[in-house]
Amino acid sequence: MTLKLGVLALLKAKPGSENELAAFLESGGKIVADEPATRTWYAFQVDDNTFGIFDTFEDEAGRQEHLNGKIPAALGEVGDSLLADAPDIRLTNILAVKDGSY
């Protein structure tokens, strides 16, 4: 498996919505389980109101499938009620990976 591409999404919760956004992100793993081209998927919290998602892909087709999939659609549905700003979504190129196979 060669992970070449990623998506980083940074999310800022509206005041008082932090727990709801965290719960939404925790449930996201079940959604991406049906996306075989999404090789890894992480939801994380940076500080009290900043959260994020980082996922990895072997190719652009897999990344585009994800970007047009259920997680972005679900985020679009809850975004107005949970997010202070629009998500900061960045496409990334992966330069190096350390996985458990070394």
PDB file of N, CA and C in Angstrom:
ATOM      1  N   MET A   1       0.855  -1.179   0.000  1.00  0.00           N
ATOM      2  CA  MET A   1       0.000   0.000   0.000  1.00  0.00           C
ATOM      3  C   MET A   1       0.892   1.231   0.000  1.00  0.00           C
ATOM      4  N   THR A   2       0.734   2.080  -0.986  1.00  0.00           N
ATOM      5  CA  THR A   2       1.472   3.325  -1.056  1.00  0.00           C
ATOM      6  C   THR A   2       0.503   4.481  -0.877  1.00  0.00           C
ATOM      7  N   LEU A   3       0.597   5.125   0.260  1.00  0.00           N
ATOM      8  CA  LEU A   3      -0.262   6.268   0.529  1.00  0.00           C
ATOM      9  C   LEU A   3       0.404   7.501  -0.046  1.00  0.00           C
ATOM     10  N   LYS A   4      -0.263   8.122  -1.003  1.00  0.00           N
ATOM     11  CA  LYS A   4       0.308   9.256  -1.711  1.00  0.00           C
ATOM     12  C   LYS A   4      -0.415  10.562  -1.447  1.00  0.00           C
ATOM     13  N   LEU A   5      -1.698  10.479  -1.123  1.00  0.00           N
ATOM     14  CA  LEU A   5      -2.539  11.673  -1.046  1.00  0.00           C
ATOM     15  C   LEU A   5      -3.322  11.713   0.255  1.00  0.00           C
ATOM     16  N   GLY A   6      -3.699  12.916   0.657  1.00  0.00           N
ATOM     17  CA  GLY A   6      -4.493  13.070   1.859  1.00  0.00           C
ATOM     18  C   GLY A   6      -5.474  14.213   1.738  1.00  0.00           C
ATOM     19  N   VAL A   7      -6.340  14.284   2.727  1.00  0.00           N
ATOM     20  CA  VAL A   7      -7.252  15.413   2.900  1.00  0.00           C
ATOM     21  C   VAL A   7      -7.187  15.797   4.370  1.00  0.00           C
ATOM     22  N   LEU A   8      -6.928  17.071   4.623  1.00  0.00           N
ATOM     23  CA  LEU A   8      -6.938  17.623   5.971  1.00  0.00           C
ATOM     24  C   LEU A   8      -8.092  18.609   6.048  1.00  0.00           C
ATOM     25  N   ALA A   9      -8.981  18.392   7.000  1.00  0.00           N
ATOM     26  CA  ALA A   9     -10.113  19.309   7.212  1.00  0.00           C
ATOM     27  C   ALA A   9     -10.051  19.800   8.650  1.00  0.00           C
ATOM     28  N   LEU A  10      -9.943  21.104   8.821  1.00  0.00           N
ATOM     29  CA  LEU A  10      -9.953  21.706  10.148  1.00  0.00           C
ATOM     30  C   LEU A  10     -11.316  22.333  10.380  1.00  0.00           C
ATOM     31  N   LEU A  11     -11.867  22.083  11.555  1.00  0.00           N
ATOM     32  CA  LEU A  11     -13.233  22.479  11.881  1.00  0.00           C
ATOM     33  C   LEU A  11     -13.240  23.249  13.189  1.00  0.00           C
ATOM     34  N   LYS A  12     -13.877  24.398  13.212  1.00  0.00           N
ATOM     35  CA  LYS A  12     -13.989  25.196  14.431  1.00  0.00           C
ATOM     36  C   LYS A  12     -15.442  25.133  14.905  1.00  0.00           C
ATOM     37  N   ALA A  13     -15.632  24.617  16.121  1.00  0.00           N
ATOM     38  CA  ALA A  13     -16.977  24.459  16.669  1.00  0.00           C
ATOM     39  C   ALA A  13     -17.546  25.794  17.126  1.00  0.00           C
ATOM     40  N   LYS A  14     -18.856  25.944  16.944  1.00  0.00           N
ATOM     41  CA  LYS A  14     -19.545  27.085  17.535  1.00  0.00           C
ATOM     42  C   LYS A  14     -19.463  26.940  19.049  1.00  0.00           C
ATOM     43  N   PRO A  15     -19.422  28.065  19.782  1.00  0.00           N
ATOM     44  CA  PRO A  15     -19.421  27.969  21.242  1.00  0.00           C
ATOM     45  C   PRO A  15     -20.617  27.146  21.731  1.00  0.00           C
ATOM     46  N   GLY A  16     -20.346  26.205  22.585  1.00  0.00           N
ATOM     47  CA  GLY A  16     -21.389  25.339  23.119  1.00  0.00           C
ATOM     48  C   GLY A  16     -21.652  24.097  22.287  1.00  0.00           C
ATOM     49  N   SER A  17     -21.049  23.988  21.103  1.00  0.00           N
ATOM     50  CA  SER A  17     -21.274  22.845  20.212  1.00  0.00           C
ATOM     51  C   SER A  17     -20.112  21.853  20.203  1.00  0.00           C
ATOM     52  N   GLU A  18     -19.130  22.084  21.047  1.00  0.00           N
ATOM     53  CA  GLU A  18     -17.924  21.262  21.026  1.00  0.00           C
ATOM     54  C   GLU A  18     -18.220  19.777  21.236  1.00  0.00           C
ATOM     55  N   ASN A  19     -19.033  19.448  22.214  1.00  0.00           N
ATOM     56  CA  ASN A  19     -19.329  18.034  22.495  1.00  0.00           C
ATOM     57  C   ASN A  19     -20.102  17.389  21.352  1.00  0.00           C
ATOM     58  N   GLU A  20     -21.019  18.134  20.759  1.00  0.00           N
ATOM     59  CA  GLU A  20     -21.788  17.603  19.626  1.00  0.00           C
ATOM     60  C   GLU A  20     -20.896  17.360  18.416  1.00  0.00           C
ATOM     61  N   LEU A  21     -19.967  18.286  18.162  1.00  0.00           N
ATOM     62  CA  LEU A  21     -19.057  18.097  17.037  1.00  0.00           C
ATOM     63  C   LEU A  21     -18.138  16.908  17.288  1.00  0.00           C
ATOM     64  N   ALA A  22     -17.657  16.771  18.502  1.00  0.00           N
ATOM     65  CA  ALA A  22     -16.814  15.617  18.842  1.00  0.00           C
ATOM     66  C   ALA A  22     -17.580  14.314  18.629  1.00  0.00           C
ATOM     67  N   ALA A  23     -18.829  14.258  19.069  1.00  0.00           N
ATOM     68  CA  ALA A  23     -19.644  13.049  18.891  1.00  0.00           C
ATOM     69  C   ALA A  23     -19.880  12.770  17.404  1.00  0.00           C
ATOM     70  N   PHE A  24     -20.127  13.814  16.628  1.00  0.00           N
ATOM     71  CA  PHE A  24     -20.310  13.649  15.186  1.00  0.00           C
ATOM     72  C   PHE A  24     -19.060  13.040  14.565  1.00  0.00           C
ATOM     73  N   LEU A  25     -17.899  13.568  14.927  1.00  0.00           N
ATOM     74  CA  LEU A  25     -16.655  13.054  14.365  1.00  0.00           C
ATOM     75  C   LEU A  25     -16.381  11.625  14.810  1.00  0.00           C
ATOM     76  N   GLU A  26     -16.669  11.315  16.063  1.00  0.00           N
ATOM     77  CA  GLU A  26     -16.473   9.945  16.548  1.00  0.00           C
ATOM     78  C   GLU A  26     -17.323   8.952  15.766  1.00  0.00           C
ATOM     79  N   SER A  27     -18.493   9.363  15.340  1.00  0.00           N
ATOM     80  CA  SER A  27     -19.364   8.466  14.576  1.00  0.00           C
ATOM     81  C   SER A  27     -18.925   8.338  13.118  1.00  0.00           C
ATOM     82  N   GLY A  28     -18.039   9.202  12.664  1.00  0.00           N
ATOM     83  CA  GLY A  28     -17.607   9.201  11.273  1.00  0.00           C
ATOM     84  C   GLY A  28     -16.873   7.949  10.848  1.00  0.00           C
ATOM     85  N   GLY A  29     -16.200   7.293  11.772  1.00  0.00           N
ATOM     86  CA  GLY A  29     -15.482   6.070  11.431  1.00  0.00           C
ATOM     87  C   GLY A  29     -16.387   5.007  10.844  1.00  0.00           C
ATOM     88  N   LYS A  30     -17.611   4.946  11.318  1.00  0.00           N
ATOM     89  CA  LYS A  30     -18.579   3.977  10.785  1.00  0.00           C
ATOM     90  C   LYS A  30     -18.950   4.310   9.346  1.00  0.00           C
ATOM     91  N   ILE A  31     -19.010   5.602   9.046  1.00  0.00           N
ATOM     92  CA  ILE A  31     -19.387   6.028   7.699  1.00  0.00           C
ATOM     93  C   ILE A  31     -18.293   5.669   6.698  1.00  0.00           C
ATOM     94  N   VAL A  32     -17.035   5.947   7.030  1.00  0.00           N
ATOM     95  CA  VAL A  32     -15.950   5.684   6.081  1.00  0.00           C
ATOM     96  C   VAL A  32     -15.576   4.213   6.010  1.00  0.00           C
ATOM     97  N   ALA A  33     -16.118   3.404   6.882  1.00  0.00           N
ATOM     98  CA  ALA A  33     -15.859   1.957   6.813  1.00  0.00           C
ATOM     99  C   ALA A  33     -16.315   1.388   5.474  1.00  0.00           C
ATOM    100  N   ASP A  34     -17.276   2.029   4.841  1.00  0.00           N
ATOM    101  CA  ASP A  34     -17.790   1.589   3.540  1.00  0.00           C
ATOM    102  C   ASP A  34     -17.026   2.188   2.364  1.00  0.00           C
ATOM    103  N   GLU A  35     -15.890   2.827   2.628  1.00  0.00           N
ATOM    104  CA  GLU A  35     -15.083   3.449   1.575  1.00  0.00           C
ATOM    105  C   GLU A  35     -13.726   2.739   1.495  1.00  0.00           C
ATOM    106  N   PRO A  36     -13.619   1.689   0.702  1.00  0.00           N
ATOM    107  CA  PRO A  36     -12.353   0.952   0.658  1.00  0.00           C
ATOM    108  C   PRO A  36     -11.168   1.780   0.169  1.00  0.00           C
ATOM    109  N   ALA A  37     -11.403   2.815  -0.613  1.00  0.00           N
ATOM    110  CA  ALA A  37     -10.298   3.638  -1.109  1.00  0.00           C
ATOM    111  C   ALA A  37      -9.792   4.626  -0.064  1.00  0.00           C
ATOM    112  N   THR A  38     -10.571   4.845   1.008  1.00  0.00           N
ATOM    113  CA  THR A  38     -10.088   5.658   2.123  1.00  0.00           C
ATOM    114  C   THR A  38      -9.280   4.724   3.000  1.00  0.00           C
ATOM    115  N   ARG A  39      -7.955   4.804   2.858  1.00  0.00           N
ATOM    116  CA  ARG A  39      -7.072   3.835   3.510  1.00  0.00           C
ATOM    117  C   ARG A  39      -6.935   4.063   5.003  1.00  0.00           C
ATOM    118  N   THR A  40      -6.802   5.324   5.423  1.00  0.00           N
ATOM    119  CA  THR A  40      -6.826   5.659   6.849  1.00  0.00           C
ATOM    120  C   THR A  40      -7.707   6.879   7.030  1.00  0.00           C
ATOM    121  N   TRP A  41      -8.291   6.986   8.206  1.00  0.00           N
ATOM    122  CA  TRP A  41      -9.181   8.101   8.517  1.00  0.00           C
ATOM    123  C   TRP A  41      -9.012   8.412   9.997  1.00  0.00           C
ATOM    124  N   TYR A  42      -8.727   9.651  10.302  1.00  0.00           N
ATOM    125  CA  TYR A  42      -8.525  10.090  11.683  1.00  0.00           C
ATOM    126  C   TYR A  42      -9.424  11.277  11.971  1.00  0.00           C
ATOM    127  N   ALA A  43     -10.041  11.269  13.123  1.00  0.00           N
ATOM    128  CA  ALA A  43     -10.731  12.450  13.642  1.00  0.00           C
ATOM    129  C   ALA A  43      -9.960  12.847  14.900  1.00  0.00           C
ATOM    130  N   PHE A  44      -9.730  14.161  15.064  1.00  0.00           N
ATOM    131  CA  PHE A  44      -8.909  14.590  16.192  1.00  0.00           C
ATOM    132  C   PHE A  44      -9.387  15.938  16.720  1.00  0.00           C
ATOM    133  N   GLN A  45      -8.909  16.265  17.918  1.00  0.00           N
ATOM    134  CA  GLN A  45      -9.213  17.547  18.544  1.00  0.00           C
ATOM    135  C   GLN A  45      -7.891  18.256  18.815  1.00  0.00           C
ATOM    136  N   VAL A  46      -7.803  19.522  18.403  1.00  0.00           N
ATOM    137  CA  VAL A  46      -6.583  20.314  18.563  1.00  0.00           C
ATOM    138  C   VAL A  46      -6.614  21.101  19.870  1.00  0.00           C
ATOM    139  N   ASP A  47      -7.729  21.757  20.128  1.00  0.00           N
ATOM    140  CA  ASP A  47      -7.910  22.514  21.369  1.00  0.00           C
ATOM    141  C   ASP A  47      -9.395  22.489  21.719  1.00  0.00           C
ATOM    142  N   ASP A  48      -9.825  23.361  22.615  1.00  0.00           N
ATOM    143  CA  ASP A  48     -11.210  23.305  23.095  1.00  0.00           C
ATOM    144  C   ASP A  48     -12.252  23.341  21.989  1.00  0.00           C
ATOM    145  N   ASN A  49     -12.017  24.135  20.938  1.00  0.00           N
ATOM    146  CA  ASN A  49     -13.052  24.258  19.905  1.00  0.00           C
ATOM    147  C   ASN A  49     -12.551  23.983  18.486  1.00  0.00           C
ATOM    148  N   THR A  50     -11.335  23.489  18.329  1.00  0.00           N
ATOM    149  CA  THR A  50     -10.804  23.168  17.009  1.00  0.00           C
ATOM    150  C   THR A  50     -10.644  21.666  16.865  1.00  0.00           C
ATOM    151  N   PHE A  51     -11.241  21.143  15.810  1.00  0.00           N
ATOM    152  CA  PHE A  51     -11.236  19.709  15.543  1.00  0.00           C
ATOM    153  C   PHE A  51     -10.734  19.489  14.123  1.00  0.00           C
ATOM    154  N   GLY A  52     -10.528  18.246  13.767  1.00  0.00           N
ATOM    155  CA  GLY A  52     -10.083  17.985  12.415  1.00  0.00           C
ATOM    156  C   GLY A  52     -10.312  16.557  11.980  1.00  0.00           C
ATOM    157  N   ILE A  53     -10.145  16.369  10.691  1.00  0.00           N
ATOM    158  CA  ILE A  53     -10.200  15.057  10.048  1.00  0.00           C
ATOM    159  C   ILE A  53      -8.989  14.980   9.128  1.00  0.00           C
ATOM    160  N   PHE A  54      -8.310  13.836   9.143  1.00  0.00           N
ATOM    161  CA  PHE A  54      -7.236  13.598   8.187  1.00  0.00           C
ATOM    162  C   PHE A  54      -7.424  12.199   7.626  1.00  0.00           C
ATOM    163  N   ASP A  55      -7.450  12.086   6.313  1.00  0.00           N
ATOM    164  CA  ASP A  55      -7.590  10.788   5.675  1.00  0.00           C
ATOM    165  C   ASP A  55      -6.535  10.626   4.593  1.00  0.00           C
ATOM    166  N   THR A  56      -6.257   9.363   4.242  1.00  0.00           N
ATOM    167  CA  THR A  56      -5.216   9.090   3.249  1.00  0.00           C
ATOM    168  C   THR A  56      -5.745   8.166   2.159  1.00  0.00           C
ATOM    169  N   PHE A  57      -5.079   8.283   0.987  1.00  0.00           N
ATOM    170  CA  PHE A  57      -5.520   7.576  -0.205  1.00  0.00           C
ATOM    171  C   PHE A  57      -4.309   7.164  -1.035  1.00  0.00           C
ATOM    172  N   GLU A  58      -4.486   6.129  -1.811  1.00  0.00           N
ATOM    173  CA  GLU A  58      -3.432   5.675  -2.708  1.00  0.00           C
ATOM    174  C   GLU A  58      -3.428   6.433  -4.025  1.00  0.00           C
ATOM    175  N   ASP A  59      -4.599   6.957  -4.424  1.00  0.00           N
ATOM    176  CA  ASP A  59      -4.670   7.639  -5.713  1.00  0.00           C
ATOM    177  C   ASP A  59      -5.752   8.718  -5.693  1.00  0.00           C
ATOM    178  N   GLU A  60      -5.744   9.524  -6.743  1.00  0.00           N
ATOM    179  CA  GLU A  60      -6.685  10.641  -6.833  1.00  0.00           C
ATOM    180  C   GLU A  60      -8.132  10.161  -6.962  1.00  0.00           C
ATOM    181  N   ALA A  61      -8.347   9.047  -7.623  1.00  0.00           N
ATOM    182  CA  ALA A  61      -9.713   8.528  -7.763  1.00  0.00           C
ATOM    183  C   ALA A  61     -10.311   8.225  -6.390  1.00  0.00           C
ATOM    184  N   GLY A  62      -9.523   7.620  -5.514  1.00  0.00           N
ATOM    185  CA  GLY A  62     -10.004   7.329  -4.163  1.00  0.00           C
ATOM    186  C   GLY A  62     -10.287   8.590  -3.376  1.00  0.00           C
ATOM    187  N   ARG A  63      -9.405   9.575  -3.521  1.00  0.00           N
ATOM    188  CA  ARG A  63      -9.617  10.835  -2.806  1.00  0.00           C
ATOM    189  C   ARG A  63     -10.887  11.513  -3.302  1.00  0.00           C
ATOM    190  N   GLN A  64     -11.101  11.548  -4.614  1.00  0.00           N
ATOM    191  CA  GLN A  64     -12.300  12.183  -5.157  1.00  0.00           C
ATOM    192  C   GLN A  64     -13.568  11.437  -4.745  1.00  0.00           C
ATOM    193  N   GLU A  65     -13.487  10.115  -4.701  1.00  0.00           N
ATOM    194  CA  GLU A  65     -14.633   9.326  -4.240  1.00  0.00           C
ATOM    195  C   GLU A  65     -15.013   9.735  -2.818  1.00  0.00           C
ATOM    196  N   HIS A  66     -14.008   9.900  -1.977  1.00  0.00           N
ATOM    197  CA  HIS A  66     -14.266  10.312  -0.595  1.00  0.00           C
ATOM    198  C   HIS A  66     -14.839  11.726  -0.531  1.00  0.00           C
ATOM    199  N   LEU A  67     -14.246  12.643  -1.277  1.00  0.00           N
ATOM    200  CA  LEU A  67     -14.708  14.029  -1.249  1.00  0.00           C
ATOM    201  C   LEU A  67     -16.141  14.175  -1.755  1.00  0.00           C
ATOM    202  N   ASN A  68     -16.590  13.225  -2.543  1.00  0.00           N
ATOM    203  CA  ASN A  68     -17.967  13.225  -3.045  1.00  0.00           C
ATOM    204  C   ASN A  68     -18.852  12.249  -2.278  1.00  0.00           C
ATOM    205  N   GLY A  69     -18.369  11.778  -1.124  1.00  0.00           N
ATOM    206  CA  GLY A  69     -19.053  10.729  -0.386  1.00  0.00           C
ATOM    207  C   GLY A  69     -19.881  11.212   0.791  1.00  0.00           C
ATOM    208  N   LYS A  70     -20.085  10.295   1.721  1.00  0.00           N
ATOM    209  CA  LYS A  70     -21.015  10.504   2.828  1.00  0.00           C
ATOM    210  C   LYS A  70     -20.513  11.459   3.911  1.00  0.00           C
ATOM    211  N   ILE A  71     -19.210  11.451   4.200  1.00  0.00           N
ATOM    212  CA  ILE A  71     -18.707  12.342   5.258  1.00  0.00           C
ATOM    213  C   ILE A  71     -18.894  13.813   4.874  1.00  0.00           C
ATOM    214  N   PRO A  72     -18.448  14.258   3.706  1.00  0.00           N
ATOM    215  CA  PRO A  72     -18.703  15.661   3.355  1.00  0.00           C
ATOM    216  C   PRO A  72     -20.197  15.998   3.314  1.00  0.00           C
ATOM    217  N   ALA A  73     -21.011  15.065   2.837  1.00  0.00           N
ATOM    218  CA  ALA A  73     -22.456  15.310   2.801  1.00  0.00           C
ATOM    219  C   ALA A  73     -23.017  15.454   4.219  1.00  0.00           C
ATOM    220  N   ALA A  74     -22.597  14.573   5.122  1.00  0.00           N
ATOM    221  CA  ALA A  74     -23.067  14.645   6.508  1.00  0.00           C
ATOM    222  C   ALA A  74     -22.583  15.924   7.178  1.00  0.00           C
ATOM    223  N   LEU A  75     -21.348  16.315   6.905  1.00  0.00           N
ATOM    224  CA  LEU A  75     -20.823  17.553   7.467  1.00  0.00           C
ATOM    225  C   LEU A  75     -21.604  18.756   6.943  1.00  0.00           C
ATOM    226  N   GLY A  76     -21.992  18.710   5.687  1.00  0.00           N
ATOM    227  CA  GLY A  76     -22.808  19.775   5.120  1.00  0.00           C
ATOM    228  C   GLY A  76     -24.156  19.900   5.811  1.00  0.00           C
ATOM    229  N   GLU A  77     -24.702  18.775   6.251  1.00  0.00           N
ATOM    230  CA  GLU A  77     -26.002  18.796   6.921  1.00  0.00           C
ATOM    231  C   GLU A  77     -25.933  19.391   8.325  1.00  0.00           C
ATOM    232  N   VAL A  78     -24.833  19.162   9.043  1.00  0.00           N
ATOM    233  CA  VAL A  78     -24.732  19.640  10.428  1.00  0.00           C
ATOM    234  C   VAL A  78     -23.883  20.902  10.559  1.00  0.00           C
ATOM    235  N   GLY A  79     -23.214  21.293   9.482  1.00  0.00           N
ATOM    236  CA  GLY A  79     -22.282  22.408   9.543  1.00  0.00           C
ATOM    237  C   GLY A  79     -22.858  23.690  10.086  1.00  0.00           C
ATOM    238  N   ASP A  80     -24.036  24.083   9.638  1.00  0.00           N
ATOM    239  CA  ASP A  80     -24.619  25.350  10.087  1.00  0.00           C
ATOM    240  C   ASP A  80     -24.892  25.367  11.585  1.00  0.00           C
ATOM    241  N   SER A  81     -25.244  24.218  12.144  1.00  0.00           N
ATOM    242  CA  SER A  81     -25.569  24.196  13.569  1.00  0.00           C
ATOM    243  C   SER A  81     -24.348  23.966  14.458  1.00  0.00           C
ATOM    244  N   LEU A  82     -23.291  23.344  13.934  1.00  0.00           N
ATOM    245  CA  LEU A  82     -22.142  22.992  14.774  1.00  0.00           C
ATOM    246  C   LEU A  82     -20.888  23.818  14.529  1.00  0.00           C
ATOM    247  N   LEU A  83     -20.725  24.374  13.334  1.00  0.00           N
ATOM    248  CA  LEU A  83     -19.463  25.018  12.975  1.00  0.00           C
ATOM    249  C   LEU A  83     -19.546  26.538  13.024  1.00  0.00           C
ATOM    250  N   ALA A  84     -18.487  27.149  13.561  1.00  0.00           N
ATOM    251  CA  ALA A  84     -18.404  28.602  13.625  1.00  0.00           C
ATOM    252  C   ALA A  84     -18.053  29.197  12.267  1.00  0.00           C
ATOM    253  N   ASP A  85     -17.301  28.452  11.471  1.00  0.00           N
ATOM    254  CA  ASP A  85     -16.853  28.893  10.151  1.00  0.00           C
ATOM    255  C   ASP A  85     -16.974  27.728   9.177  1.00  0.00           C
ATOM    256  N   ALA A  86     -16.823  28.020   7.901  1.00  0.00           N
ATOM    257  CA  ALA A  86     -16.767  26.948   6.910  1.00  0.00           C
ATOM    258  C   ALA A  86     -15.535  26.081   7.182  1.00  0.00           C
ATOM    259  N   PRO A  87     -15.613  24.782   6.922  1.00  0.00           N
ATOM    260  CA  PRO A  87     -14.445  23.923   7.128  1.00  0.00           C
ATOM    261  C   PRO A  87     -13.259  24.391   6.274  1.00  0.00           C
ATOM    262  N   ASP A  88     -12.079  24.304   6.846  1.00  0.00           N
ATOM    263  CA  ASP A  88     -10.840  24.618   6.128  1.00  0.00           C
ATOM    264  C   ASP A  88     -10.318  23.290   5.581  1.00  0.00           C
ATOM    265  N   ILE A  89     -10.591  23.018   4.306  1.00  0.00           N
ATOM    266  CA  ILE A  89     -10.253  21.728   3.695  1.00  0.00           C
ATOM    267  C   ILE A  89      -9.044  21.904   2.790  1.00  0.00           C
ATOM    268  N   ARG A  90      -8.034  21.083   3.032  1.00  0.00           N
ATOM    269  CA  ARG A  90      -6.797  21.169   2.269  1.00  0.00           C
ATOM    270  C   ARG A  90      -6.430  19.801   1.710  1.00  0.00           C
ATOM    271  N   LEU A  91      -6.118  19.763   0.431  1.00  0.00           N
ATOM    272  CA  LEU A  91      -5.632  18.545  -0.203  1.00  0.00           C
ATOM    273  C   LEU A  91      -4.135  18.475   0.026  1.00  0.00           C
ATOM    274  N   THR A  92      -3.644  17.314   0.414  1.00  0.00           N
ATOM    275  CA  THR A  92      -2.232  17.173   0.743  1.00  0.00           C
ATOM    276  C   THR A  92      -1.584  16.078  -0.093  1.00  0.00           C
ATOM    277  N   ASN A  93      -0.282  16.199  -0.242  1.00  0.00           N
ATOM    278  CA  ASN A  93       0.549  15.138  -0.812  1.00  0.00           C
ATOM    279  C   ASN A  93       1.343  14.548   0.338  1.00  0.00           C
ATOM    280  N   ILE A  94       1.375  13.245   0.434  1.00  0.00           N
ATOM    281  CA  ILE A  94       2.092  12.581   1.514  1.00  0.00           C
ATOM    282  C   ILE A  94       3.532  12.333   1.055  1.00  0.00           C
ATOM    283  N   LEU A  95       4.464  12.829   1.842  1.00  0.00           N
ATOM    284  CA  LEU A  95       5.881  12.697   1.493  1.00  0.00           C
ATOM    285  C   LEU A  95       6.523  11.455   2.107  1.00  0.00           C
ATOM    286  N   ALA A  96       6.084  11.055   3.293  1.00  0.00           N
ATOM    287  CA  ALA A  96       6.659   9.890   3.941  1.00  0.00           C
ATOM    288  C   ALA A  96       5.619   9.306   4.901  1.00  0.00           C
ATOM    289  N   VAL A  97       5.703   7.995   5.083  1.00  0.00           N
ATOM    290  CA  VAL A  97       4.785   7.279   5.976  1.00  0.00           C
ATOM    291  C   VAL A  97       5.603   6.323   6.824  1.00  0.00           C
ATOM    292  N   LYS A  98       5.308   6.276   8.088  1.00  0.00           N
ATOM    293  CA  LYS A  98       5.864   5.249   8.964  1.00  0.00           C
ATOM    294  C   LYS A  98       4.679   4.426   9.418  1.00  0.00           C
ATOM    295  N   ASP A  99       4.607   3.197   8.968  1.00  0.00           N
ATOM    296  CA  ASP A  99       3.533   2.326   9.428  1.00  0.00           C
ATOM    297  C   ASP A  99       4.147   1.166  10.192  1.00  0.00           C
ATOM    298  N   GLY A 100       3.350   0.256  10.649  1.00  0.00           N
ATOM    299  CA  GLY A 100       3.815  -0.840  11.468  1.00  0.00           C
ATOM    300  C   GLY A 100       4.597  -1.910  10.733  1.00  0.00           C
ATOM    301  N   SER A 101       4.810  -1.752   9.447  1.00  0.00           N
ATOM    302  CA  SER A 101       5.474  -2.825   8.678  1.00  0.00           C
ATOM    303  C   SER A 101       6.997  -2.711   8.684  1.00  0.00           C
ATOM    304  N   TYR A 102       7.569  -1.693   9.333  1.00  0.00           N
ATOM    305  CA  TYR A 102       9.025  -1.539   9.333  1.00  0.00           C
ATOM    306  C   TYR A 102       9.668  -2.317  10.448  1.00  0.00           C
TER     307      TYR A 102
END
